[in-house]
Amino acid sequence: MEQVNLPAGESSALIVWSLMITIGLLSFVIRYFPIALLSRLELPGLLKRALIYVPPAVMLAIIAPALFFPGGAPNIVFDMPRLAAAALAALVAWWTRSVLWTVIAGMCTLWGLQALLP
């Protein structure tokens, strides 16, 4: 096998892209196969009802740290722009049931208040 000599910048870029593609494919395979296997099974009613609460729980786990610990420190800080944006986003989510409008309303509110308030 013949070795190809690439300049240092091209070689490192090739390694980075190769790793990103490989990790992306592995991540897809790891997530896809359990879903594909479970889709063929009939889940019990209790488990189906319990799985309804997974998306809100995951969303809360993602949002709560950013909302209540904005600096990353483990203390609750009253951050007016974040709390107002979260409250408005919750209202929009309840009213429209649309993820897209919820994200748009929340982010526009956050950015607007951060621009207006010191």
Protein backbone atom coordinates (compact mmCIF):
# COMPACT_ATOMS: atom_id res chain seq x y z
CA MET A 1 0.00 0.00 0.00
CA GLU A 2 1.38 3.36 -1.03
CA GLN A 3 1.49 6.13 1.56
CA VAL A 4 0.15 9.52 0.49
CA ASN A 5 1.90 12.52 1.98
CA LEU A 6 -0.46 15.41 2.59
CA PRO A 7 0.45 18.84 3.93
CA ALA A 8 -0.13 19.15 7.69
CA GLY A 9 -3.28 21.29 7.35
CA GLU A 10 -4.94 18.99 4.82
CA SER A 11 -4.06 15.91 6.84
CA SER A 12 -5.58 17.25 10.05
CA ALA A 13 -8.70 18.43 8.20
CA LEU A 14 -9.08 14.97 6.65
CA ILE A 15 -8.79 13.36 10.08
CA VAL A 16 -11.34 15.74 11.59
CA TRP A 17 -13.87 15.16 8.79
CA SER A 18 -13.33 11.41 8.91
CA LEU A 19 -13.93 11.38 12.66
CA MET A 20 -17.03 13.54 12.37
CA ILE A 21 -18.57 11.32 9.70
CA THR A 22 -17.67 8.11 11.56
CA ILE A 23 -19.02 9.37 14.88
CA GLY A 24 -22.20 10.62 13.18
CA LEU A 25 -22.79 7.23 11.55
CA LEU A 26 -22.11 5.36 14.79
CA SER A 27 -24.46 7.67 16.66
CA PHE A 28 -27.18 7.06 14.08
CA VAL A 29 -26.74 3.27 14.20
CA ILE A 30 -26.77 3.18 18.00
CA ARG A 31 -30.05 5.13 18.06
CA TYR A 32 -31.73 3.57 15.03
CA PHE A 33 -31.53 -0.13 15.79
CA PRO A 34 -33.28 -0.09 19.19
CA ILE A 35 -36.07 2.01 17.68
CA ALA A 36 -36.34 -0.34 14.70
CA LEU A 37 -36.48 -3.39 16.96
CA LEU A 38 -38.99 -1.86 19.40
CA SER A 39 -41.26 -0.73 16.55
CA ARG A 40 -42.01 -4.38 15.82
CA LEU A 41 -43.14 -5.05 19.39
CA GLU A 42 -46.51 -4.22 20.92
CA LEU A 43 -45.84 -2.20 24.07
CA PRO A 44 -48.06 -2.62 27.14
CA GLY A 45 -50.64 0.12 27.72
CA LEU A 46 -49.02 1.33 30.94
CA LEU A 47 -45.67 1.79 29.19
CA LYS A 48 -47.33 3.63 26.28
CA ARG A 49 -49.02 6.03 28.71
CA ALA A 50 -45.73 6.57 30.58
CA LEU A 51 -43.81 7.31 27.37
CA ILE A 52 -46.08 10.30 26.69
CA TYR A 53 -44.25 12.17 29.46
CA VAL A 54 -40.73 11.60 28.07
CA PRO A 55 -40.59 14.58 25.64
CA PRO A 56 -41.69 17.18 28.24
CA ALA A 57 -39.25 15.73 30.78
CA VAL A 58 -36.36 15.89 28.31
CA MET A 59 -37.29 19.43 27.30
CA LEU A 60 -37.39 20.51 30.94
CA ALA A 61 -34.00 18.89 31.57
CA ILE A 62 -32.56 20.93 28.71
CA ILE A 63 -34.24 24.24 29.54
CA ALA A 64 -34.14 24.35 33.36
CA PRO A 65 -30.34 24.65 33.77
CA ALA A 66 -30.14 27.46 31.20
CA LEU A 67 -33.09 29.23 32.82
CA PHE A 68 -32.19 28.90 36.49
CA PHE A 69 -28.38 28.69 36.28
CA PRO A 70 -27.48 31.17 33.52
CA GLY A 71 -23.84 31.47 34.54
CA GLY A 72 -23.44 27.75 35.03
CA ALA A 73 -23.04 28.24 38.78
CA PRO A 74 -25.28 26.23 41.10
CA ASN A 75 -27.26 29.19 42.44
CA ILE A 76 -30.63 30.45 41.28
CA VAL A 77 -30.36 33.92 39.81
CA PHE A 78 -33.34 36.13 38.96
CA ASP A 79 -32.59 36.87 35.30
CA MET A 80 -35.52 38.96 34.06
CA PRO A 81 -35.02 38.49 30.28
CA ARG A 82 -34.73 34.70 30.58
CA LEU A 83 -37.68 34.32 32.93
CA ALA A 84 -39.90 36.60 30.83
CA ALA A 85 -38.94 34.78 27.63
CA ALA A 86 -39.61 31.41 29.27
CA ALA A 87 -43.00 32.57 30.55
CA LEU A 88 -44.02 33.90 27.14
CA ALA A 89 -42.75 30.75 25.42
CA ALA A 90 -44.79 28.62 27.83
CA LEU A 91 -47.91 30.64 27.01
CA VAL A 92 -47.29 30.36 23.27
CA ALA A 93 -46.69 26.61 23.61
CA TRP A 94 -49.93 26.18 25.54
CA TRP A 95 -51.91 28.35 23.15
CA THR A 96 -50.53 27.20 19.76
CA ARG A 97 -49.15 23.71 20.54
CA SER A 98 -46.45 24.55 17.98
CA VAL A 99 -42.76 24.01 18.73
CA LEU A 100 -41.74 26.39 15.96
CA TRP A 101 -43.84 29.32 17.26
CA THR A 102 -42.75 28.58 20.83
CA VAL A 103 -39.06 28.78 19.91
CA ILE A 104 -39.57 31.89 17.78
CA ALA A 105 -41.52 33.70 20.51
CA GLY A 106 -39.11 32.71 23.26
CA MET A 107 -35.93 33.60 21.37
CA CYS A 108 -37.27 36.89 20.01
CA THR A 109 -38.41 37.88 23.49
CA LEU A 110 -35.06 36.91 25.01
CA TRP A 111 -33.02 38.75 22.40
CA GLY A 112 -35.29 41.81 22.52
CA LEU A 113 -35.17 42.08 26.32
CA GLN A 114 -31.42 41.51 26.40
CA ALA A 115 -30.99 44.34 23.89
CA LEU A 116 -33.28 46.70 25.83
CA LEU A 117 -32.27 45.91 29.41
CA PRO A 118 -28.73 46.54 30.68
